[in-house]
Amino acid sequence: CVMIALIVFIAVNGGTQKRKAALHT
């Protein structure tokens, strides 16, 4: 269960960081 939560967190966080970088550009 911890691994599933960690995978979801990493995927969501990665998408958020990518979107922030694009908006900053």
PDB file of all heavy atoms in Angstrom:
ATOM      1  N   CYS A   1       0.829  -1.214   0.000  1.00  0.00           N
ATOM      2  CA  CYS A   1       0.000   0.000   0.000  1.00  0.00           C
ATOM      3  C   CYS A   1       0.859   1.258   0.000  1.00  0.00           C
ATOM      4  O   CYS A   1       0.539   2.241  -0.672  1.00  0.00           O
ATOM      5  CB  CYS A   1      -0.936  -0.007   1.209  1.00  0.00           C
ATOM      6  SG  CYS A   1      -2.183  -1.290   1.145  1.00  0.00           S
ATOM      7  N   VAL A   2       1.967   1.227   0.736  1.00  0.00           N
ATOM      8  CA  VAL A   2       2.872   2.374   0.767  1.00  0.00           C
ATOM      9  C   VAL A   2       3.472   2.616  -0.617  1.00  0.00           C
ATOM     10  O   VAL A   2       3.585   3.768  -1.066  1.00  0.00           O
ATOM     11  CB  VAL A   2       3.977   2.174   1.835  1.00  0.00           C
ATOM     12  CG1 VAL A   2       5.080   3.202   1.685  1.00  0.00           C
ATOM     13  CG2 VAL A   2       3.379   2.243   3.227  1.00  0.00           C
ATOM     14  N   MET A   3       3.826   1.544  -1.314  1.00  0.00           N
ATOM     15  CA  MET A   3       4.407   1.695  -2.649  1.00  0.00           C
ATOM     16  C   MET A   3       3.391   2.268  -3.635  1.00  0.00           C
ATOM     17  O   MET A   3       3.743   3.099  -4.474  1.00  0.00           O
ATOM     18  CB  MET A   3       4.940   0.346  -3.159  1.00  0.00           C
ATOM     19  CG  MET A   3       6.189  -0.110  -2.447  1.00  0.00           C
ATOM     20  SD  MET A   3       7.544   1.080  -2.569  1.00  0.00           S
ATOM     21  CE  MET A   3       7.853   1.058  -4.303  1.00  0.00           C
ATOM     22  N   ILE A   4       2.143   1.846  -3.546  1.00  0.00           N
ATOM     23  CA  ILE A   4       1.112   2.396  -4.435  1.00  0.00           C
ATOM     24  C   ILE A   4       0.952   3.890  -4.183  1.00  0.00           C
ATOM     25  O   ILE A   4       0.897   4.691  -5.123  1.00  0.00           O
ATOM     26  CB  ILE A   4      -0.221   1.647  -4.246  1.00  0.00           C
ATOM     27  CG1 ILE A   4      -0.097   0.231  -4.782  1.00  0.00           C
ATOM     28  CG2 ILE A   4      -1.363   2.387  -4.929  1.00  0.00           C
ATOM     29  CD1 ILE A   4      -1.273  -0.655  -4.446  1.00  0.00           C
ATOM     30  N   ALA A   5       0.895   4.277  -2.912  1.00  0.00           N
ATOM     31  CA  ALA A   5       0.772   5.699  -2.578  1.00  0.00           C
ATOM     32  C   ALA A   5       1.997   6.475  -3.049  1.00  0.00           C
ATOM     33  O   ALA A   5       1.871   7.602  -3.557  1.00  0.00           O
ATOM     34  CB  ALA A   5       0.583   5.868  -1.071  1.00  0.00           C
ATOM     35  N   LEU A   6       3.173   5.897  -2.926  1.00  0.00           N
ATOM     36  CA  LEU A   6       4.405   6.563  -3.361  1.00  0.00           C
ATOM     37  C   LEU A   6       4.438   6.724  -4.884  1.00  0.00           C
ATOM     38  O   LEU A   6       4.835   7.780  -5.384  1.00  0.00           O
ATOM     39  CB  LEU A   6       5.619   5.769  -2.881  1.00  0.00           C
ATOM     40  CG  LEU A   6       6.980   6.419  -3.072  1.00  0.00           C
ATOM     41  CD1 LEU A   6       7.055   7.715  -2.269  1.00  0.00           C
ATOM     42  CD2 LEU A   6       8.080   5.470  -2.633  1.00  0.00           C
ATOM     43  N   ILE A   7       3.995   5.724  -5.612  1.00  0.00           N
ATOM     44  CA  ILE A   7       3.964   5.816  -7.079  1.00  0.00           C
ATOM     45  C   ILE A   7       2.994   6.911  -7.521  1.00  0.00           C
ATOM     46  O   ILE A   7       3.311   7.716  -8.409  1.00  0.00           O
ATOM     47  CB  ILE A   7       3.591   4.452  -7.691  1.00  0.00           C
ATOM     48  CG1 ILE A   7       4.753   3.474  -7.519  1.00  0.00           C
ATOM     49  CG2 ILE A   7       3.228   4.581  -9.160  1.00  0.00           C
ATOM     50  CD1 ILE A   7       4.408   2.046  -7.844  1.00  0.00           C
ATOM     51  N   VAL A   8       1.825   6.962  -6.901  1.00  0.00           N
ATOM     52  CA  VAL A   8       0.856   8.008  -7.247  1.00  0.00           C
ATOM     53  C   VAL A   8       1.421   9.383  -6.916  1.00  0.00           C
ATOM     54  O   VAL A   8       1.313  10.324  -7.710  1.00  0.00           O
ATOM     55  CB  VAL A   8      -0.491   7.760  -6.525  1.00  0.00           C
ATOM     56  CG1 VAL A   8      -1.406   8.962  -6.657  1.00  0.00           C
ATOM     57  CG2 VAL A   8      -1.143   6.512  -7.054  1.00  0.00           C
ATOM     58  N   PHE A   9       2.077   9.512  -5.750  1.00  0.00           N
ATOM     59  CA  PHE A   9       2.661  10.795  -5.366  1.00  0.00           C
ATOM     60  C   PHE A   9       3.736  11.233  -6.359  1.00  0.00           C
ATOM     61  O   PHE A   9       3.774  12.400  -6.770  1.00  0.00           O
ATOM     62  CB  PHE A   9       3.257  10.706  -3.960  1.00  0.00           C
ATOM     63  CG  PHE A   9       4.030  11.933  -3.558  1.00  0.00           C
ATOM     64  CD1 PHE A   9       3.366  13.089  -3.201  1.00  0.00           C
ATOM     65  CD2 PHE A   9       5.417  11.942  -3.575  1.00  0.00           C
ATOM     66  CE1 PHE A   9       4.062  14.231  -2.852  1.00  0.00           C
ATOM     67  CE2 PHE A   9       6.127  13.074  -3.233  1.00  0.00           C
ATOM     68  CZ  PHE A   9       5.447  14.220  -2.868  1.00  0.00           C
ATOM     69  N   ILE A  10       4.602  10.317  -6.760  1.00  0.00           N
ATOM     70  CA  ILE A  10       5.674  10.664  -7.696  1.00  0.00           C
ATOM     71  C   ILE A  10       5.089  11.088  -9.041  1.00  0.00           C
ATOM     72  O   ILE A  10       5.540  12.074  -9.642  1.00  0.00           O
ATOM     73  CB  ILE A  10       6.652   9.486  -7.846  1.00  0.00           C
ATOM     74  CG1 ILE A  10       7.465   9.324  -6.561  1.00  0.00           C
ATOM     75  CG2 ILE A  10       7.577   9.689  -9.043  1.00  0.00           C
ATOM     76  CD1 ILE A  10       8.311   8.070  -6.518  1.00  0.00           C
ATOM     77  N   ALA A  11       4.079  10.370  -9.530  1.00  0.00           N
ATOM     78  CA  ALA A  11       3.477  10.719 -10.816  1.00  0.00           C
ATOM     79  C   ALA A  11       2.802  12.089 -10.760  1.00  0.00           C
ATOM     80  O   ALA A  11       2.987  12.914 -11.663  1.00  0.00           O
ATOM     81  CB  ALA A  11       2.472   9.651 -11.224  1.00  0.00           C
ATOM     82  N   VAL A  12       2.050  12.337  -9.701  1.00  0.00           N
ATOM     83  CA  VAL A  12       1.354  13.623  -9.580  1.00  0.00           C
ATOM     84  C   VAL A  12       2.353  14.760  -9.386  1.00  0.00           C
ATOM     85  O   VAL A  12       2.226  15.827  -9.998  1.00  0.00           O
ATOM     86  CB  VAL A  12       0.327  13.570  -8.428  1.00  0.00           C
ATOM     87  CG1 VAL A  12      -0.219  14.948  -8.113  1.00  0.00           C
ATOM     88  CG2 VAL A  12      -0.797  12.626  -8.770  1.00  0.00           C
ATOM     89  N   ASN A  13       3.359  14.531  -8.565  1.00  0.00           N
ATOM     90  CA  ASN A  13       4.358  15.564  -8.308  1.00  0.00           C
ATOM     91  C   ASN A  13       5.159  15.871  -9.577  1.00  0.00           C
ATOM     92  O   ASN A  13       5.464  17.033  -9.854  1.00  0.00           O
ATOM     93  CB  ASN A  13       5.295  15.135  -7.172  1.00  0.00           C
ATOM     94  CG  ASN A  13       6.171  16.261  -6.701  1.00  0.00           C
ATOM     95  OD1 ASN A  13       5.783  17.418  -6.753  1.00  0.00           O
ATOM     96  ND2 ASN A  13       7.368  15.916  -6.246  1.00  0.00           N
ATOM     97  N   GLY A  14       5.492  14.846 -10.349  1.00  0.00           N
ATOM     98  CA  GLY A  14       6.232  15.074 -11.592  1.00  0.00           C
ATOM     99  C   GLY A  14       5.430  15.894 -12.582  1.00  0.00           C
ATOM    100  O   GLY A  14       5.956  16.815 -13.228  1.00  0.00           O
ATOM    101  N   GLY A  15       4.138  15.584 -12.716  1.00  0.00           N
ATOM    102  CA  GLY A  15       3.278  16.361 -13.614  1.00  0.00           C
ATOM    103  C   GLY A  15       3.132  17.801 -13.155  1.00  0.00           C
ATOM    104  O   GLY A  15       3.120  18.733 -13.961  1.00  0.00           O
ATOM    105  N   THR A  16       3.037  17.991 -11.841  1.00  0.00           N
ATOM    106  CA  THR A  16       2.915  19.343 -11.294  1.00  0.00           C
ATOM    107  C   THR A  16       4.183  20.147 -11.549  1.00  0.00           C
ATOM    108  O   THR A  16       4.115  21.328 -11.940  1.00  0.00           O
ATOM    109  CB  THR A  16       2.620  19.278  -9.791  1.00  0.00           C
ATOM    110  OG1 THR A  16       1.440  18.511  -9.587  1.00  0.00           O
ATOM    111  CG2 THR A  16       2.430  20.655  -9.203  1.00  0.00           C
ATOM    112  N   GLN A  17       5.341  19.530 -11.335  1.00  0.00           N
ATOM    113  CA  GLN A  17       6.605  20.230 -11.570  1.00  0.00           C
ATOM    114  C   GLN A  17       6.772  20.593 -13.043  1.00  0.00           C
ATOM    115  O   GLN A  17       7.247  21.685 -13.374  1.00  0.00           O
ATOM    116  CB  GLN A  17       7.784  19.367 -11.094  1.00  0.00           C
ATOM    117  CG  GLN A  17       7.809  19.132  -9.601  1.00  0.00           C
ATOM    118  CD  GLN A  17       7.957  20.418  -8.814  1.00  0.00           C
ATOM    119  OE1 GLN A  17       8.605  21.371  -9.234  1.00  0.00           O
ATOM    120  NE2 GLN A  17       7.326  20.452  -7.653  1.00  0.00           N
ATOM    121  N   LYS A  18       6.373  19.698 -13.940  1.00  0.00           N
ATOM    122  CA  LYS A  18       6.470  19.971 -15.380  1.00  0.00           C
ATOM    123  C   LYS A  18       5.558  21.136 -15.758  1.00  0.00           C
ATOM    124  O   LYS A  18       5.952  22.026 -16.522  1.00  0.00           O
ATOM    125  CB  LYS A  18       6.083  18.710 -16.151  1.00  0.00           C
ATOM    126  CG  LYS A  18       6.207  18.843 -17.642  1.00  0.00           C
ATOM    127  CD  LYS A  18       5.845  17.530 -18.320  1.00  0.00           C
ATOM    128  CE  LYS A  18       5.882  17.687 -19.824  1.00  0.00           C
ATOM    129  NZ  LYS A  18       5.472  16.451 -20.494  1.00  0.00           N
ATOM    130  N   ARG A  19       4.352  21.142 -15.212  1.00  0.00           N
ATOM    131  CA  ARG A  19       3.412  22.222 -15.504  1.00  0.00           C
ATOM    132  C   ARG A  19       3.916  23.560 -14.957  1.00  0.00           C
ATOM    133  O   ARG A  19       3.791  24.600 -15.600  1.00  0.00           O
ATOM    134  CB  ARG A  19       2.048  21.874 -14.907  1.00  0.00           C
ATOM    135  CG  ARG A  19       0.923  22.612 -15.572  1.00  0.00           C
ATOM    136  CD  ARG A  19      -0.442  22.056 -15.204  1.00  0.00           C
ATOM    137  NE  ARG A  19      -0.643  20.725 -15.761  1.00  0.00           N
ATOM    138  CZ  ARG A  19      -0.852  19.619 -15.036  1.00  0.00           C
ATOM    139  NH1 ARG A  19      -0.912  19.691 -13.733  1.00  0.00           N
ATOM    140  NH2 ARG A  19      -1.035  18.466 -15.618  1.00  0.00           N
ATOM    141  N   LYS A  20       4.521  23.536 -13.751  1.00  0.00           N
ATOM    142  CA  LYS A  20       5.073  24.764 -13.173  1.00  0.00           C
ATOM    143  C   LYS A  20       6.197  25.322 -14.037  1.00  0.00           C
ATOM    144  O   LYS A  20       6.287  26.535 -14.251  1.00  0.00           O
ATOM    145  CB  LYS A  20       5.622  24.490 -11.767  1.00  0.00           C
ATOM    146  CG  LYS A  20       4.610  24.518 -10.677  1.00  0.00           C
ATOM    147  CD  LYS A  20       5.305  24.331  -9.326  1.00  0.00           C
ATOM    148  CE  LYS A  20       4.348  24.244  -8.189  1.00  0.00           C
ATOM    149  NZ  LYS A  20       5.043  24.033  -6.907  1.00  0.00           N
ATOM    150  N   ALA A  21       7.057  24.433 -14.535  1.00  0.00           N
ATOM    151  CA  ALA A  21       8.166  24.877 -15.377  1.00  0.00           C
ATOM    152  C   ALA A  21       7.651  25.493 -16.679  1.00  0.00           C
ATOM    153  O   ALA A  21       8.159  26.525 -17.138  1.00  0.00           O
ATOM    154  CB  ALA A  21       9.109  23.712 -15.667  1.00  0.00           C
ATOM    155  N   ALA A  22       6.641  24.884 -17.282  1.00  0.00           N
ATOM    156  CA  ALA A  22       6.078  25.421 -18.522  1.00  0.00           C
ATOM    157  C   ALA A  22       5.418  26.770 -18.277  1.00  0.00           C
ATOM    158  O   ALA A  22       5.593  27.711 -19.067  1.00  0.00           O
ATOM    159  CB  ALA A  22       5.077  24.434 -19.113  1.00  0.00           C
ATOM    160  N   LEU A  23       4.689  26.899 -17.176  1.00  0.00           N
ATOM    161  CA  LEU A  23       4.046  28.177 -16.869  1.00  0.00           C
ATOM    162  C   LEU A  23       5.082  29.257 -16.549  1.00  0.00           C
ATOM    163  O   LEU A  23       4.884  30.434 -16.890  1.00  0.00           O
ATOM    164  CB  LEU A  23       3.063  28.011 -15.715  1.00  0.00           C
ATOM    165  CG  LEU A  23       1.791  27.242 -16.057  1.00  0.00           C
ATOM    166  CD1 LEU A  23       0.953  27.026 -14.813  1.00  0.00           C
ATOM    167  CD2 LEU A  23       0.989  27.964 -17.116  1.00  0.00           C
ATOM    168  N   HIS A  24       6.175  28.880 -15.908  1.00  0.00           N
ATOM    169  CA  HIS A  24       7.246  29.836 -15.633  1.00  0.00           C
ATOM    170  C   HIS A  24       7.868  30.322 -16.947  1.00  0.00           C
ATOM    171  O   HIS A  24       8.159  31.521 -17.094  1.00  0.00           O
ATOM    172  CB  HIS A  24       8.310  29.196 -14.742  1.00  0.00           C
ATOM    173  CG  HIS A  24       9.429  30.109 -14.385  1.00  0.00           C
ATOM    174  ND1 HIS A  24       9.264  31.178 -13.534  1.00  0.00           N
ATOM    175  CD2 HIS A  24      10.729  30.139 -14.786  1.00  0.00           C
ATOM    176  CE1 HIS A  24      10.414  31.821 -13.411  1.00  0.00           C
ATOM    177  NE2 HIS A  24      11.319  31.193 -14.168  1.00  0.00           N
ATOM    178  N   THR A  25       8.047  29.416 -17.908  1.00  0.00           N
ATOM    179  CA  THR A  25       8.592  29.809 -19.212  1.00  0.00           C
ATOM    180  C   THR A  25       7.643  30.750 -19.936  1.00  0.00           C
ATOM    181  O   THR A  25       8.077  31.753 -20.532  1.00  0.00           O
ATOM    182  CB  THR A  25       8.839  28.547 -20.067  1.00  0.00           C
ATOM    183  OG1 THR A  25       9.687  27.656 -19.351  1.00  0.00           O
ATOM    184  CG2 THR A  25       9.473  28.895 -21.390  1.00  0.00           C
TER     185      THR A  25
END
